N, C-alpha and C. Protein backbone atom coordinates (compact mmCIF):
# COMPACT_ATOMS: atom_id res chain seq x y z
N MET A 1 287.87 67.66 120.83
CA MET A 1 286.79 68.21 121.93
C MET A 1 285.81 69.21 121.21
N THR A 2 284.41 68.26 120.91
CA THR A 2 283.30 69.87 119.91
C THR A 2 282.59 69.90 120.86
N VAL A 3 282.16 72.06 121.13
CA VAL A 3 281.27 72.35 122.30
C VAL A 3 281.19 73.09 121.07
N ASN A 4 279.81 73.40 121.88
CA ASN A 4 278.86 74.65 121.33
C ASN A 4 278.99 76.08 121.92
N ALA A 5 279.71 77.43 122.47
CA ALA A 5 279.95 77.67 122.71
C ALA A 5 279.88 79.15 121.80
N SER A 6 278.66 79.36 121.83
CA SER A 6 278.51 80.30 120.32
C SER A 6 278.08 81.97 120.74
N LEU A 7 277.76 81.64 122.24
CA LEU A 7 277.67 83.27 122.76
C LEU A 7 279.94 84.32 122.35
N PRO A 8 279.25 85.08 121.60
CA PRO A 8 280.91 85.86 121.13
C PRO A 8 281.40 86.06 123.01
N TRP A 9 281.66 85.20 123.46
CA TRP A 9 282.66 85.66 124.48
C TRP A 9 283.89 85.16 124.05
N ARG A 10 284.87 86.46 125.05
CA ARG A 10 286.25 85.60 124.88
C ARG A 10 287.24 85.69 126.52
N VAL A 11 288.35 84.41 126.47
CA VAL A 11 288.96 84.05 127.59
C VAL A 11 290.38 84.53 127.77
N LEU A 12 290.46 85.94 128.83
CA LEU A 12 291.51 86.49 128.71
C LEU A 12 291.71 86.79 130.34
N PRO A 13 293.43 87.22 130.27
CA PRO A 13 293.38 87.17 132.07
C PRO A 13 292.90 88.04 132.52
N LEU A 14 292.85 87.47 134.19
CA LEU A 14 292.05 88.12 135.07
C LEU A 14 292.96 89.18 135.55
N ASN A 15 292.32 90.67 135.60
CA ASN A 15 293.14 91.45 135.92
C ASN A 15 292.94 92.19 137.31
N GLU A 16 293.70 93.05 137.86
CA GLU A 16 292.88 93.65 138.99
C GLU A 16 291.75 94.77 138.74
N ALA A 17 291.11 95.17 137.89
CA ALA A 17 290.56 95.82 137.60
C ALA A 17 288.82 94.50 138.03
N ASN A 18 289.48 93.37 137.08
CA ASN A 18 288.12 92.14 136.87
C ASN A 18 288.21 92.03 138.23
N CYS A 19 289.02 92.25 139.22
CA CYS A 19 288.80 90.88 140.55
C CYS A 19 288.47 92.19 141.13
N GLN A 20 288.58 93.51 141.60
CA GLN A 20 287.40 94.09 141.95
C GLN A 20 286.16 94.46 141.49
N GLU A 21 286.07 94.10 139.95
CA GLU A 21 284.60 94.54 139.99
C GLU A 21 283.98 92.43 140.62
N LEU A 22 284.78 91.50 140.89
CA LEU A 22 284.02 90.52 141.27
C LEU A 22 283.65 90.39 142.23
N CYS A 23 284.41 91.37 143.60
CA CYS A 23 283.81 91.75 144.96
C CYS A 23 283.07 92.01 145.13
N THR A 24 281.94 92.82 144.17
CA THR A 24 281.32 93.64 143.43
C THR A 24 279.68 93.14 143.57
N TRP A 25 280.02 91.05 143.00
CA TRP A 25 278.87 90.97 142.43
C TRP A 25 278.59 90.40 143.66
N LYS A 26 276.86 90.51 144.03
CA LYS A 26 275.93 90.09 144.81
C LYS A 26 274.98 89.09 144.39
N TYR A 27 275.72 87.75 144.66
CA TYR A 27 273.96 86.51 144.57
C TYR A 27 273.31 86.72 145.68
N SER A 28 272.09 86.45 145.24
CA SER A 28 270.18 86.56 146.13
C SER A 28 270.56 85.44 146.83
N PRO A 29 270.63 84.65 147.79
CA PRO A 29 269.87 83.51 148.99
C PRO A 29 269.32 83.02 148.03
N PRO A 30 269.66 81.65 148.15
CA PRO A 30 271.36 80.73 149.31
C PRO A 30 272.07 80.81 148.63
N TYR A 31 272.27 81.27 147.21
CA TYR A 31 273.75 81.49 146.42
C TYR A 31 274.26 82.49 146.64
N ASP A 32 274.63 83.08 148.34
CA ASP A 32 274.49 83.99 148.43
C ASP A 32 276.66 83.64 148.84
N LEU A 33 276.66 82.34 149.53
CA LEU A 33 277.43 82.09 149.70
C LEU A 33 278.85 82.36 148.84
N TYR A 34 278.05 82.47 147.61
CA TYR A 34 279.60 82.88 146.65
C TYR A 34 279.63 83.87 146.20
N ASN A 35 279.29 84.63 146.94
CA ASN A 35 279.30 86.08 147.36
C ASN A 35 280.67 86.13 147.57
N TRP A 36 282.47 87.08 147.12
CA TRP A 36 283.40 87.62 147.70
C TRP A 36 283.30 88.16 148.66
N SER A 37 284.04 88.06 149.14
CA SER A 37 285.04 89.15 150.71
C SER A 37 285.39 90.81 149.60
N PRO A 38 285.08 92.13 150.42
CA PRO A 38 285.70 92.87 150.09
C PRO A 38 287.02 92.86 149.31
N TRP A 39 287.43 93.67 148.43
CA TRP A 39 288.97 93.87 147.31
C TRP A 39 289.63 93.64 148.61
N GLU A 40 289.58 94.51 149.30
CA GLU A 40 290.60 94.87 150.34
C GLU A 40 290.89 93.71 151.24
N THR A 41 289.43 93.38 151.75
CA THR A 41 289.95 91.90 152.56
C THR A 41 290.09 90.79 151.63
N MET A 42 290.72 90.83 150.37
CA MET A 42 290.94 89.74 149.48
C MET A 42 292.34 90.31 149.32
N LEU A 43 292.89 91.99 148.80
CA LEU A 43 294.64 91.81 149.12
C LEU A 43 294.75 91.76 150.58
N HIS A 44 294.68 92.32 150.99
CA HIS A 44 295.28 92.44 152.61
C HIS A 44 295.56 90.28 153.09
N GLU A 45 294.64 89.42 152.81
CA GLU A 45 295.25 88.67 153.28
C GLU A 45 295.58 87.51 151.56
N GLN A 46 295.81 88.06 150.91
CA GLN A 46 296.13 87.47 149.03
C GLN A 46 295.58 86.51 148.95
N ALA A 47 294.35 86.15 149.40
CA ALA A 47 293.06 84.90 149.04
C ALA A 47 292.98 84.72 147.71
N GLU A 48 293.08 83.65 147.39
CA GLU A 48 291.79 83.48 145.86
C GLU A 48 293.27 84.20 144.11
N PHE A 49 292.50 84.93 143.93
CA PHE A 49 292.94 86.07 142.50
C PHE A 49 293.69 87.73 142.80
N ALA A 50 293.59 87.96 144.48
CA ALA A 50 294.23 88.61 144.53
C ALA A 50 295.72 88.54 145.01
N ASP A 51 295.59 87.17 145.30
CA ASP A 51 297.25 86.68 145.06
C ASP A 51 297.72 86.32 143.93
N PRO A 52 299.31 87.70 143.25
CA PRO A 52 299.18 87.94 141.51
C PRO A 52 299.47 86.80 140.59
N GLN A 53 300.66 85.54 142.36
CA GLN A 53 300.98 84.09 141.04
C GLN A 53 299.54 83.69 140.44
N ILE A 54 298.82 82.95 141.99
CA ILE A 54 297.06 82.09 141.45
C ILE A 54 296.46 83.23 140.64
N ARG A 55 296.70 83.79 140.67
CA ARG A 55 295.87 84.69 139.54
C ARG A 55 296.35 84.32 137.90
N ALA A 56 297.35 85.10 138.22
CA ALA A 56 298.25 84.63 137.11
C ALA A 56 297.83 83.17 136.27
N GLU A 57 298.58 82.39 137.17
CA GLU A 57 298.16 80.40 136.75
C GLU A 57 297.33 79.91 136.80
N GLN A 58 295.76 80.83 137.21
CA GLN A 58 295.03 79.63 137.58
C GLN A 58 293.69 80.63 136.89
N TYR A 59 293.81 81.76 137.02
CA TYR A 59 292.25 82.88 136.65
C TYR A 59 292.27 82.94 135.76
N ARG A 60 290.91 82.86 135.41
CA ARG A 60 290.53 84.19 133.52
C ARG A 60 289.33 84.98 133.74
N ALA A 61 289.89 85.70 133.43
CA ALA A 61 287.77 86.23 132.82
C ALA A 61 287.13 86.39 131.51
N VAL A 62 285.75 85.74 131.53
CA VAL A 62 284.94 85.90 130.49
C VAL A 62 284.47 87.65 129.98
N VAL A 63 284.90 87.78 129.18
CA VAL A 63 284.57 88.67 128.76
C VAL A 63 283.38 88.75 127.66
N ASP A 64 282.16 89.84 127.33
CA ASP A 64 281.83 89.52 126.20
C ASP A 64 282.24 90.19 125.13
N GLU A 65 281.16 90.50 123.87
CA GLU A 65 282.42 91.15 122.49
C GLU A 65 282.26 93.05 122.88
N ASN A 66 281.86 93.33 123.58
CA ASN A 66 282.05 94.72 124.22
C ASN A 66 282.95 94.83 126.05
N GLY A 67 283.37 94.02 126.06
CA GLY A 67 284.48 93.28 126.95
C GLY A 67 284.18 94.27 128.60
N ILE A 68 282.78 93.53 128.59
CA ILE A 68 282.47 93.45 129.90
C ILE A 68 282.48 92.12 130.33
N LEU A 69 282.52 92.25 132.02
CA LEU A 69 282.87 90.93 132.33
C LEU A 69 281.58 90.15 132.81
N SER A 70 281.74 88.89 132.22
CA SER A 70 280.40 87.50 132.37
C SER A 70 280.56 87.16 133.18
N GLY A 71 282.16 86.87 133.30
CA GLY A 71 282.56 85.33 134.17
C GLY A 71 283.49 85.25 134.31
N PHE A 72 283.55 84.10 135.50
CA PHE A 72 285.04 84.04 135.57
C PHE A 72 285.68 82.45 135.86
N VAL A 73 286.95 82.31 135.89
CA VAL A 73 286.84 80.33 135.98
C VAL A 73 288.31 80.69 136.30
N GLN A 74 288.22 79.75 137.17
CA GLN A 74 289.47 78.80 137.48
C GLN A 74 289.71 77.25 136.99
N PHE A 75 290.82 77.47 136.57
CA PHE A 75 291.76 76.10 136.14
C PHE A 75 292.81 75.98 136.83
N PHE A 76 291.70 75.07 138.04
CA PHE A 76 292.52 74.49 139.36
C PHE A 76 294.14 73.42 139.32
N PRO A 77 294.66 73.18 138.75
CA PRO A 77 295.77 72.03 139.18
C PRO A 77 295.82 71.31 140.13
N ILE A 78 295.10 69.84 139.43
CA ILE A 78 295.25 68.48 140.51
C ILE A 78 295.98 67.64 139.75
N VAL A 79 296.68 66.11 139.77
CA VAL A 79 297.68 66.30 138.33
C VAL A 79 296.43 65.41 137.61
N GLY A 80 296.76 65.44 136.53
CA GLY A 80 295.44 64.71 135.70
C GLY A 80 294.58 64.84 135.24
N VAL A 81 293.79 66.20 136.26
CA VAL A 81 292.38 66.65 136.01
C VAL A 81 292.78 68.15 135.85
N THR A 82 291.75 68.91 134.82
CA THR A 82 291.87 70.04 135.37
C THR A 82 289.88 69.86 135.64
N ARG A 83 290.38 71.05 137.19
CA ARG A 83 288.96 71.01 137.92
C ARG A 83 288.78 72.63 137.73
N LEU A 84 287.02 72.94 137.45
CA LEU A 84 287.25 73.99 136.85
C LEU A 84 285.73 74.87 137.50
N GLY A 85 286.59 75.54 138.72
CA GLY A 85 286.17 77.00 139.40
C GLY A 85 286.02 78.37 138.35
N LEU A 86 283.76 78.36 138.89
CA LEU A 86 283.75 79.40 138.41
C LEU A 86 282.75 79.83 138.90
N GLY A 87 281.94 80.92 138.03
CA GLY A 87 280.94 82.07 138.02
C GLY A 87 280.60 82.52 136.78
N LEU A 88 279.30 83.15 137.57
CA LEU A 88 278.76 83.91 136.03
C LEU A 88 278.44 84.75 136.55
N ARG A 89 278.03 86.14 136.02
CA ARG A 89 278.18 86.98 136.78
C ARG A 89 276.35 87.48 137.10
N PRO A 90 275.73 87.52 138.25
CA PRO A 90 274.31 87.04 139.41
C PRO A 90 272.98 87.93 137.74
N ASP A 91 273.46 88.96 137.18
CA ASP A 91 272.09 89.11 136.71
C ASP A 91 272.39 87.91 135.82
N LEU A 92 273.46 87.91 134.88
CA LEU A 92 273.32 86.64 134.08
C LEU A 92 272.84 85.24 134.76
N CYS A 93 272.55 84.81 135.86
CA CYS A 93 272.52 83.78 136.08
C CYS A 93 270.63 83.21 136.54
N GLY A 94 270.63 81.70 136.27
CA GLY A 94 268.68 81.48 137.04
C GLY A 94 267.02 81.81 135.17
N LYS A 95 267.98 82.22 133.86
CA LYS A 95 266.75 82.95 133.07
C LYS A 95 266.31 81.58 132.31
N GLY A 96 267.00 80.72 132.64
CA GLY A 96 266.43 79.68 131.63
C GLY A 96 266.33 79.36 130.32
N ASN A 97 267.73 80.52 130.01
CA ASN A 97 267.85 80.94 128.59
C ASN A 97 268.82 79.97 127.67
N GLY A 98 269.70 78.95 128.26
CA GLY A 98 270.98 78.49 127.77
C GLY A 98 272.27 79.22 128.14
N ILE A 99 271.83 80.12 128.46
CA ILE A 99 273.48 81.08 128.81
C ILE A 99 274.29 79.92 129.72
N GLY A 100 274.13 80.36 130.60
CA GLY A 100 274.78 78.83 131.53
C GLY A 100 275.56 77.62 131.20
N THR A 101 274.98 76.96 129.85
CA THR A 101 275.18 75.93 129.68
C THR A 101 276.15 75.98 128.37
N GLN A 102 276.39 77.44 128.48
CA GLN A 102 276.64 77.93 126.88
C GLN A 102 278.37 78.37 127.54
N PHE A 103 278.29 78.86 128.89
CA PHE A 103 279.03 79.51 129.31
C PHE A 103 280.06 77.78 130.00
N VAL A 104 279.50 77.51 130.63
CA VAL A 104 279.92 75.74 130.83
C VAL A 104 280.88 75.43 129.45
N GLN A 105 280.14 75.50 128.55
CA GLN A 105 281.14 74.42 128.18
C GLN A 105 281.80 75.28 126.55
N LEU A 106 282.12 76.87 127.17
CA LEU A 106 283.06 77.91 126.52
C LEU A 106 284.50 77.32 127.62
N LEU A 107 284.16 76.96 128.90
CA LEU A 107 284.93 76.97 129.84
C LEU A 107 285.77 75.72 129.74
N VAL A 108 284.74 74.30 129.20
CA VAL A 108 285.27 73.05 129.01
C VAL A 108 286.31 73.74 127.24
N GLN A 109 286.16 73.96 125.90
CA GLN A 109 286.56 74.36 125.59
C GLN A 109 288.38 75.25 125.48
N GLU A 110 287.78 76.01 126.53
CA GLU A 110 288.62 76.34 127.17
C GLU A 110 290.24 75.41 127.90
N ALA A 111 289.63 75.06 129.15
CA ALA A 111 290.17 73.53 129.35
C ALA A 111 290.89 72.87 128.71
N GLY A 112 290.35 72.65 127.32
CA GLY A 112 291.19 70.75 127.07
C GLY A 112 291.69 72.02 125.78
N ARG A 113 291.87 73.23 125.10
CA ARG A 113 292.74 74.21 124.36
C ARG A 113 294.27 73.68 126.08
N ARG A 114 294.00 73.85 126.97
CA ARG A 114 294.77 74.03 127.89
C ARG A 114 295.46 73.25 128.19
N ALA A 115 295.66 72.18 127.86
CA ALA A 115 295.34 70.60 129.00
C ALA A 115 294.42 69.81 128.16
N PRO A 116 294.49 69.48 127.11
CA PRO A 116 294.30 68.33 126.34
C PRO A 116 293.64 67.11 126.81
N LEU A 117 294.86 65.97 127.35
CA LEU A 117 295.31 64.95 128.07
C LEU A 117 293.88 64.90 129.35
N GLN A 118 293.99 66.32 130.06
CA GLN A 118 293.46 65.80 130.80
C GLN A 118 292.50 65.37 131.46
N GLU A 119 291.58 65.21 132.18
CA GLU A 119 289.72 64.58 132.34
C GLU A 119 289.88 66.45 133.00
N ILE A 120 288.10 66.89 133.39
CA ILE A 120 287.57 67.79 133.26
C ILE A 120 286.77 67.35 133.57
N ASP A 121 286.78 68.06 135.32
CA ASP A 121 285.79 68.28 136.64
C ASP A 121 285.49 69.44 137.09
N LEU A 122 284.49 69.19 137.80
CA LEU A 122 283.98 70.38 139.36
C LEU A 122 283.42 69.75 140.20
N GLU A 123 282.86 70.53 141.21
CA GLU A 123 282.76 70.18 142.59
C GLU A 123 281.75 70.98 142.98
N VAL A 124 280.48 70.71 143.09
CA VAL A 124 278.72 71.75 143.28
C VAL A 124 278.15 71.11 144.16
N LEU A 125 277.79 72.04 145.46
CA LEU A 125 277.52 71.70 145.95
C LEU A 125 276.17 70.96 145.61
N VAL A 126 275.63 69.95 147.28
CA VAL A 126 274.78 68.68 146.30
C VAL A 126 273.10 69.89 146.36
N TRP A 127 272.63 70.56 147.32
CA TRP A 127 271.15 71.13 147.07
C TRP A 127 271.21 72.09 146.08
N ASN A 128 272.26 72.98 145.45
CA ASN A 128 272.40 73.73 144.13
C ASN A 128 271.72 72.92 142.51
N GLU A 129 270.53 72.40 142.44
CA GLU A 129 269.80 71.72 141.51
C GLU A 129 270.30 72.69 140.54
N ARG A 130 270.36 74.41 140.29
CA ARG A 130 269.75 75.07 139.02
C ARG A 130 271.65 74.54 138.37
N ALA A 131 272.53 74.55 138.93
CA ALA A 131 273.87 74.31 138.78
C ALA A 131 273.95 73.60 137.88
N ILE A 132 273.78 72.22 138.83
CA ILE A 132 273.36 70.28 138.91
C ILE A 132 272.74 70.20 136.96
N ARG A 133 271.87 70.80 137.65
CA ARG A 133 271.01 70.68 135.26
C ARG A 133 272.18 72.00 134.36
N THR A 134 272.50 73.02 134.83
CA THR A 134 273.51 73.00 133.65
C THR A 134 274.37 72.52 133.61
N TYR A 135 275.45 72.42 134.63
CA TYR A 135 276.56 71.16 133.73
C TYR A 135 276.31 69.78 133.46
N GLU A 136 274.88 69.23 133.46
CA GLU A 136 274.32 68.22 132.96
C GLU A 136 274.27 68.35 131.75
N ARG A 137 273.86 69.47 130.97
CA ARG A 137 272.72 70.23 129.38
C ARG A 137 274.71 70.55 129.00
N ALA A 138 275.42 70.59 129.69
CA ALA A 138 277.04 71.15 129.18
C ALA A 138 277.95 69.90 128.51
N GLY A 139 277.33 68.63 129.74
CA GLY A 139 277.91 67.08 129.44
C GLY A 139 278.70 66.68 130.93
N PHE A 140 278.26 67.12 131.44
CA PHE A 140 278.43 66.68 132.52
C PHE A 140 278.10 66.08 133.44
N THR A 141 278.75 64.66 134.21
CA THR A 141 278.33 63.88 135.13
C THR A 141 278.45 63.89 135.85
N ILE A 142 277.72 63.63 137.14
CA ILE A 142 277.88 63.88 138.74
C ILE A 142 278.94 61.87 138.54
N THR A 143 279.67 61.17 139.56
CA THR A 143 279.89 60.40 139.36
C THR A 143 281.06 60.47 140.50
N ASP A 144 280.68 61.32 142.22
CA ASP A 144 281.25 60.55 143.42
C ASP A 144 280.24 62.23 144.54
N THR A 145 279.89 61.41 145.62
CA THR A 145 279.74 62.67 146.15
C THR A 145 280.23 62.21 147.70
N TYR A 146 280.63 63.78 148.37
CA TYR A 146 281.38 63.67 149.32
C TYR A 146 281.46 64.99 150.50
N GLU A 147 281.56 64.19 151.70
CA GLU A 147 281.64 65.38 152.26
C GLU A 147 283.26 66.62 153.00
N LYS A 148 282.89 67.67 152.17
CA LYS A 148 284.27 68.13 152.94
C LYS A 148 284.19 70.04 153.77
N LEU A 149 285.63 69.74 154.44
CA LEU A 149 285.16 71.34 154.62
C LEU A 149 284.78 72.22 154.30
N THR A 150 284.35 73.36 154.32
CA THR A 150 283.79 74.62 153.70
C THR A 150 284.77 75.91 154.37
N PRO A 151 283.94 76.97 154.55
CA PRO A 151 284.03 78.34 155.48
C PRO A 151 283.45 78.52 156.27
N THR A 152 281.95 77.44 155.97
CA THR A 152 280.79 78.06 156.52
C THR A 152 280.52 76.41 157.39
N GLY A 153 281.88 75.52 157.80
CA GLY A 153 281.44 74.05 158.34
C GLY A 153 281.55 72.35 156.32
N MET A 154 280.72 71.88 157.73
CA MET A 154 281.23 70.94 156.34
C MET A 154 279.71 71.20 155.53
N ALA A 155 279.59 69.80 153.79
CA ALA A 155 279.43 70.35 153.37
C ALA A 155 278.98 69.13 152.24
N ALA A 156 278.32 68.55 151.89
CA ALA A 156 278.26 67.68 150.30
C ALA A 156 278.03 68.41 149.05
N PHE A 157 278.92 67.78 148.53
CA PHE A 157 279.23 68.23 147.41
C PHE A 157 279.73 66.97 146.29
N HIS A 158 278.97 67.17 145.40
CA HIS A 158 279.14 66.42 143.78
C HIS A 158 280.37 66.35 142.56
N CYS A 159 280.99 65.54 142.82
CA CYS A 159 282.05 65.56 141.66
C CYS A 159 281.14 65.14 140.27
N MET A 160 281.75 66.11 139.24
CA MET A 160 280.86 66.04 137.76
C MET A 160 282.13 65.97 136.90
N VAL A 161 282.66 65.02 136.43
CA VAL A 161 282.99 64.55 134.83
C VAL A 161 282.93 65.32 134.18
N TYR A 162 283.55 65.97 133.16
CA TYR A 162 282.86 65.90 131.34
C TYR A 162 282.70 64.94 130.91
N TYR A 163 281.99 64.18 129.70
CA TYR A 163 281.95 63.53 129.19
C TYR A 163 281.29 63.54 127.90
N GLY A 164 281.31 65.04 127.72
CA GLY A 164 280.84 65.42 126.18
C GLY A 164 279.55 65.91 126.56
N PRO A 165 278.80 66.88 125.84
CA PRO A 165 277.28 66.73 125.87
C PRO A 165 276.30 65.76 125.12
N ASN A 166 276.83 65.07 123.24
CA ASN A 166 276.55 63.75 123.10
C ASN A 166 275.47 62.76 124.11
N LEU A 167 276.36 62.64 125.57
CA LEU A 167 276.19 61.56 125.75
C LEU A 167 274.97 61.21 127.06
N ILE A 168 274.56 62.87 127.48
CA ILE A 168 273.40 63.16 128.01
C ILE A 168 272.09 63.83 127.45
N SER A 169 271.32 62.74 127.91
CA SER A 169 270.08 62.46 127.56
C SER A 169 269.40 64.44 128.23
């Protein structure tokens, strides 16, 4: 698997300080539904990366050359598939400079290293055209569309599967 993840990022274990920082990230509408609950709430509910076992098994931090948190990834285990959940720091999103594509390609590379024989996919809300374009540039293709329950009710999602950037025009 060859990907071009040329930014000087590293994928590291997600530590508690990273978790606390993730909970302070604020995305602008309509992306604000990706904002995490306050860290104290996450801890109380043992939600997602606040659960030490889930954090250790599924979550990683992405840091830049100065060790500054740039994003995170969840490698959600499904039989035969690595499903990516990901987030880029809000101030790095939507700039049109290709950082998002390189970020996704780095995560694909890491997923392939972790489970080389598994398919890699992700889910994205159908209205999130900015993310869909980024995922397509990184080598993902929409393979299915379906409704599923979210914390705010039913919503339509695309499933996108990684086939490699050379297959996308």
